[in-house]
Amino acid sequence: MTVYIKELKQSIKSLCIWTASIAFMMLICIMLFPEMKNEMDSVSAVFANMGGFTAAFGMDKLSFGELMGFYGIECGNVIGIGGGFFAALVGISALSKEEKDRTAEFLLTHPVSRFFVITQKLLSVVTQIVLLNVIVVAVSLCSAAAIGEELEMKEFLLLHTAYLIMQLEIACICFGISAFIRRGSLGVGLGLALALYFMNLVCNISDKAEVLRYFTPYAYAEASNIISEASLDGELIAIGAVFALAGAGIGYLKYIKKDIAS
């Protein structure tokens, strides 16, 4: 597991920064809730009449005056965007950074197969995403307890399960793309994550764009649907799993046969 440990050590600074940033923003959002709670009902009424904007962010199904509704809208966007971007970054740099940093020759001359190297790199990506989510969940629960409020545990756990699956899907797709890139890949990963996020907004606004729901993982991580229905969309998650496996599989196939620039 030498490659796996090496990858984690190299990524520890980035992981800490992203995790601390997202967790801190979640903490602030939750801590602000008691001060805003009494005014949230009127805010919900205002947002309920804003047409497409309301539907885009799911504010027509959740109440700002309840912690779970507030959490789904405010904190949901933080972990949705921040977690998605982090997943894209770790996925897109997993295979391409060896050529970018000119360390591929040193790595691949060791007596291990490329399949073994790729597998350990993918495990490192998954580990980082899981660690980020575990810490964010812990911070959210502790923050809610600190303000004397309770989160609805079923909906809370379902929501974060969806975010974890979403991030893993984005990471796997970017992991596959990473095998085709030799230099400067971060923009590609961030661009893909941002595009998937906006695809979901378009789906929420227009029924004519409903088909896009099958292509963006943000569709099954929609807080308004998960909290209001207390369930996950198994069909969309299954489709997302196919995209994730395809992305990772393509990454394996390409990198194993790739002419690596040292």
Protein backbone atom coordinates (compact mmCIF):
# COMPACT_ATOMS: atom_id res chain seq x y z
CA MET A 1 0.00 0.00 0.00
CA THR A 2 3.00 2.29 -0.50
CA VAL A 3 1.38 4.29 -3.31
CA TYR A 4 -1.84 4.65 -1.32
CA ILE A 5 -0.01 6.05 1.73
CA LYS A 6 2.13 8.31 -0.46
CA GLU A 7 -0.98 9.73 -2.14
CA LEU A 8 -2.63 10.45 1.20
CA LYS A 9 0.48 12.16 2.55
CA GLN A 10 0.74 14.34 -0.54
CA SER A 11 -2.93 15.28 -0.31
CA ILE A 12 -3.19 15.88 3.44
CA LYS A 13 -2.72 19.66 3.22
CA SER A 14 -5.35 20.08 0.51
CA LEU A 15 -7.74 17.73 2.34
CA CYS A 16 -7.37 19.66 5.59
CA ILE A 17 -7.94 23.03 3.91
CA TRP A 18 -11.05 21.91 2.02
CA THR A 19 -12.48 20.03 4.99
CA ALA A 20 -11.86 22.90 7.41
CA SER A 21 -13.35 25.43 4.98
CA ILE A 22 -16.53 23.45 4.30
CA ALA A 23 -16.97 22.44 7.96
CA PHE A 24 -16.48 26.05 9.10
CA MET A 25 -19.10 27.32 6.66
CA MET A 26 -21.53 24.62 7.82
CA LEU A 27 -20.84 25.62 11.43
CA ILE A 28 -21.53 29.29 10.72
CA CYS A 29 -24.76 28.52 8.85
CA ILE A 30 -26.12 26.42 11.71
CA MET A 31 -25.02 28.88 14.39
CA LEU A 32 -26.89 31.67 12.59
CA PHE A 33 -30.17 29.75 12.61
CA PRO A 34 -31.39 30.74 16.12
CA GLU A 35 -30.90 34.44 15.32
CA MET A 36 -32.82 34.14 12.07
CA LYS A 37 -35.43 31.58 13.11
CA ASN A 38 -38.18 34.06 14.01
CA GLU A 39 -37.87 35.83 10.67
CA MET A 40 -37.63 32.71 8.54
CA ASP A 41 -41.35 32.17 8.05
CA SER A 42 -41.71 35.51 6.31
CA VAL A 43 -38.59 34.80 4.27
CA SER A 44 -40.06 31.46 3.17
CA ALA A 45 -43.24 33.25 2.05
CA VAL A 46 -41.21 35.70 -0.02
CA PHE A 47 -39.14 33.01 -1.71
CA ALA A 48 -42.23 30.89 -2.38
CA ASN A 49 -43.44 33.53 -4.83
CA MET A 50 -40.25 33.95 -6.83
CA GLY A 51 -41.12 31.45 -9.56
CA GLY A 52 -38.18 29.80 -11.29
CA PHE A 53 -35.68 30.97 -8.70
CA THR A 54 -37.66 29.25 -5.95
CA ALA A 55 -37.86 25.99 -7.90
CA ALA A 56 -34.18 26.09 -8.86
CA PHE A 57 -33.07 25.84 -5.25
CA GLY A 58 -35.96 23.75 -3.96
CA MET A 59 -37.25 26.49 -1.69
CA ASP A 60 -40.85 25.72 -2.65
CA LYS A 61 -40.69 22.42 -0.72
CA LEU A 62 -38.77 23.38 2.41
CA SER A 63 -39.34 25.85 5.22
CA PHE A 64 -36.59 28.21 6.35
CA GLY A 65 -38.27 28.31 9.76
CA GLU A 66 -37.35 24.68 10.50
CA LEU A 67 -33.73 23.66 11.06
CA MET A 68 -33.89 20.75 8.62
CA GLY A 69 -35.35 22.94 5.89
CA PHE A 70 -32.81 25.68 6.59
CA TYR A 71 -30.03 23.09 6.68
CA GLY A 72 -31.08 21.54 3.38
CA ILE A 73 -31.09 24.85 1.54
CA GLU A 74 -28.19 26.75 3.08
CA CYS A 75 -25.84 24.00 4.26
CA GLY A 76 -26.89 21.77 1.37
CA ASN A 77 -25.52 24.26 -1.13
CA VAL A 78 -22.26 24.52 0.81
CA ILE A 79 -21.58 20.78 0.87
CA GLY A 80 -23.07 20.30 -2.60
CA ILE A 81 -20.86 22.84 -4.33
CA GLY A 82 -17.81 22.61 -2.05
CA GLY A 83 -17.87 18.81 -1.85
CA GLY A 84 -18.46 18.50 -5.58
CA PHE A 85 -15.52 20.77 -6.37
CA PHE A 86 -13.24 18.90 -3.97
CA ALA A 87 -14.23 15.55 -5.49
CA ALA A 88 -13.55 16.90 -8.97
CA LEU A 89 -10.11 18.20 -7.97
CA VAL A 90 -8.90 15.00 -6.31
CA GLY A 91 -10.29 12.90 -9.13
CA ILE A 92 -8.92 14.95 -12.02
CA SER A 93 -5.41 15.16 -10.57
CA ALA A 94 -5.09 11.51 -9.51
CA LEU A 95 -3.51 10.17 -12.70
CA SER A 96 -2.42 13.31 -14.54
CA LYS A 97 -0.22 14.77 -11.81
CA GLU A 98 2.55 12.21 -12.32
CA GLU A 99 3.19 13.58 -15.82
CA LYS A 100 2.60 17.17 -14.75
CA ASP A 101 5.12 16.88 -11.89
CA ARG A 102 7.45 14.62 -13.94
CA THR A 103 7.39 11.84 -11.34
CA ALA A 104 5.87 9.14 -13.57
CA GLU A 105 9.21 7.59 -14.50
CA PHE A 106 10.19 7.14 -10.84
CA LEU A 107 6.79 5.70 -9.90
CA LEU A 108 6.32 3.31 -12.80
CA THR A 109 9.83 1.83 -12.70
CA HIS A 110 9.01 0.18 -9.38
CA PRO A 111 8.15 -3.55 -9.46
CA VAL A 112 4.39 -3.01 -9.35
CA SER A 113 1.85 -3.18 -12.15
CA ARG A 114 0.04 -0.13 -13.44
CA PHE A 115 -3.23 -1.75 -12.39
CA PHE A 116 -1.94 -1.89 -8.82
CA VAL A 117 -0.83 1.76 -8.96
CA ILE A 118 -4.18 2.93 -10.37
CA THR A 119 -6.13 0.97 -7.77
CA GLN A 120 -4.22 2.53 -4.89
CA LYS A 121 -4.66 5.99 -6.37
CA LEU A 122 -8.41 5.44 -6.70
CA LEU A 123 -8.60 4.17 -3.11
CA SER A 124 -6.81 7.33 -2.00
CA VAL A 125 -9.40 9.47 -3.80
CA VAL A 126 -12.27 7.57 -2.16
CA THR A 127 -10.62 7.80 1.27
CA GLN A 128 -10.23 11.58 1.03
CA ILE A 129 -13.87 12.07 0.05
CA VAL A 130 -15.12 9.80 2.83
CA LEU A 131 -12.97 11.57 5.44
CA LEU A 132 -14.26 14.98 4.36
CA ASN A 133 -17.86 13.83 4.64
CA VAL A 134 -17.41 12.13 8.01
CA ILE A 135 -15.91 15.28 9.51
CA VAL A 136 -18.60 17.53 7.98
CA VAL A 137 -21.36 15.28 9.37
CA ALA A 138 -19.76 15.33 12.84
CA VAL A 139 -19.41 19.13 12.79
CA SER A 140 -23.03 19.55 11.68
CA LEU A 141 -24.37 17.32 14.45
CA CYS A 142 -22.24 19.01 17.10
CA SER A 143 -23.27 22.46 15.85
CA ALA A 144 -26.97 21.57 16.00
CA ALA A 145 -26.53 20.25 19.54
CA ALA A 146 -24.68 23.43 20.54
CA ILE A 147 -27.66 25.63 19.58
CA GLY A 148 -30.14 23.30 21.27
CA GLU A 149 -31.79 22.13 18.05
CA GLU A 150 -32.31 18.64 16.68
CA LEU A 151 -31.87 17.55 13.09
CA GLU A 152 -34.24 14.92 11.73
CA MET A 153 -31.80 12.02 11.68
CA LYS A 154 -33.35 9.94 8.91
CA GLU A 155 -33.50 12.84 6.48
CA PHE A 156 -30.10 14.10 7.64
CA LEU A 157 -28.37 10.76 7.04
CA LEU A 158 -30.13 10.23 3.71
CA LEU A 159 -29.07 13.68 2.59
CA HIS A 160 -25.42 13.14 3.44
CA THR A 161 -25.48 9.66 1.92
CA ALA A 162 -26.65 11.25 -1.32
CA TYR A 163 -23.90 13.89 -1.14
CA LEU A 164 -21.28 11.18 -0.59
CA ILE A 165 -22.50 9.14 -3.56
CA MET A 166 -22.65 12.30 -5.68
CA GLN A 167 -19.07 13.23 -4.84
CA LEU A 168 -17.83 9.71 -5.54
CA GLU A 169 -19.53 9.77 -8.94
CA ILE A 170 -17.95 13.11 -9.86
CA ALA A 171 -14.56 11.88 -8.62
CA CYS A 172 -14.76 8.67 -10.67
CA ILE A 173 -15.74 10.52 -13.84
CA CYS A 174 -12.88 12.97 -13.33
CA PHE A 175 -10.58 10.05 -12.53
CA GLY A 176 -11.34 8.62 -15.96
CA ILE A 177 -10.74 11.97 -17.66
CA SER A 178 -7.48 12.30 -15.74
CA ALA A 179 -6.02 9.35 -17.63
CA PHE A 180 -6.28 11.34 -20.89
CA ILE A 181 -4.70 14.55 -19.58
CA ARG A 182 -1.00 15.31 -19.40
CA ARG A 183 -0.88 18.90 -18.16
CA GLY A 184 -3.05 21.42 -16.30
CA SER A 185 -6.16 19.45 -15.40
CA LEU A 186 -7.72 21.34 -12.47
CA GLY A 187 -9.78 23.65 -14.66
CA VAL A 188 -11.31 20.67 -16.43
CA GLY A 189 -12.45 19.12 -13.16
CA LEU A 190 -13.89 22.32 -11.73
CA GLY A 191 -15.59 23.10 -15.03
CA LEU A 192 -17.24 19.68 -15.12
CA ALA A 193 -18.49 19.95 -11.52
CA LEU A 194 -19.87 23.43 -12.18
CA ALA A 195 -21.57 22.29 -15.38
CA LEU A 196 -23.24 19.38 -13.57
CA TYR A 197 -24.45 21.73 -10.84
CA PHE A 198 -26.03 24.15 -13.32
CA MET A 199 -27.59 21.28 -15.24
CA ASN A 200 -29.53 20.43 -12.10
CA LEU A 201 -30.67 24.05 -11.70
CA VAL A 202 -31.96 24.01 -15.27
CA CYS A 203 -33.82 20.75 -14.56
CA ASN A 204 -35.52 22.33 -11.56
CA ILE A 205 -36.58 25.40 -13.50
CA SER A 206 -37.84 23.82 -16.72
CA ASP A 207 -39.77 20.59 -17.26
CA LYS A 208 -38.45 20.54 -20.83
CA ALA A 209 -34.97 19.86 -19.46
CA GLU A 210 -36.10 16.87 -17.37
CA VAL A 211 -33.86 14.54 -19.35
CA LEU A 212 -30.80 16.27 -17.89
CA ARG A 213 -31.64 14.74 -14.51
CA TYR A 214 -30.25 11.45 -15.78
CA PHE A 215 -26.85 13.02 -16.47
CA THR A 216 -26.16 15.07 -13.33
CA PRO A 217 -25.50 13.54 -9.90
CA TYR A 218 -26.87 16.69 -8.28
CA ALA A 219 -30.35 15.51 -9.27
CA TYR A 220 -30.40 12.67 -6.74
CA ALA A 221 -28.70 14.85 -4.11
CA GLU A 222 -31.47 17.46 -4.24
CA ALA A 223 -32.09 18.39 -0.59
CA SER A 224 -35.68 19.52 -1.16
CA ASN A 225 -36.70 16.13 -2.56
CA ILE A 226 -34.80 14.04 -0.02
CA ILE A 227 -36.06 15.96 3.02
CA SER A 228 -39.68 16.29 1.87
CA GLU A 229 -39.96 12.65 0.77
CA ALA A 230 -37.55 11.10 3.31
CA SER A 231 -36.13 8.82 0.60
CA LEU A 232 -33.51 8.62 -2.12
CA ASP A 233 -34.14 8.22 -5.84
CA GLY A 234 -32.84 4.69 -6.45
CA GLU A 235 -33.17 4.95 -10.23
CA LEU A 236 -31.02 8.07 -10.51
CA ILE A 237 -28.45 6.67 -8.07
CA ALA A 238 -28.22 3.46 -10.12
CA ILE A 239 -27.63 5.50 -13.29
CA GLY A 240 -25.03 7.53 -11.43
CA ALA A 241 -23.29 4.34 -10.33
CA VAL A 242 -23.07 3.27 -13.97
CA PHE A 243 -21.44 6.59 -14.89
CA ALA A 244 -19.03 6.24 -11.97
CA LEU A 245 -18.01 2.70 -12.89
CA ALA A 246 -17.68 3.68 -16.54
CA GLY A 247 -15.48 6.64 -15.64
CA ALA A 248 -13.21 4.59 -13.40
CA GLY A 249 -13.12 1.72 -15.90
CA ILE A 250 -12.13 4.00 -18.78
CA GLY A 251 -9.41 5.45 -16.58
CA TYR A 252 -8.01 1.97 -15.96
CA LEU A 253 -8.10 0.98 -19.63
CA LYS A 254 -6.49 4.18 -20.85
CA TYR A 255 -3.77 4.48 -18.22
CA ILE A 256 -2.68 0.85 -18.45
CA LYS A 257 -1.97 1.28 -22.19
CA LYS A 258 -0.91 4.93 -22.09
CA ASP A 259 2.50 6.07 -23.23
CA ILE A 260 3.52 7.94 -20.09
CA ALA A 261 5.63 11.07 -20.52
CA SER A 262 8.38 11.22 -17.91
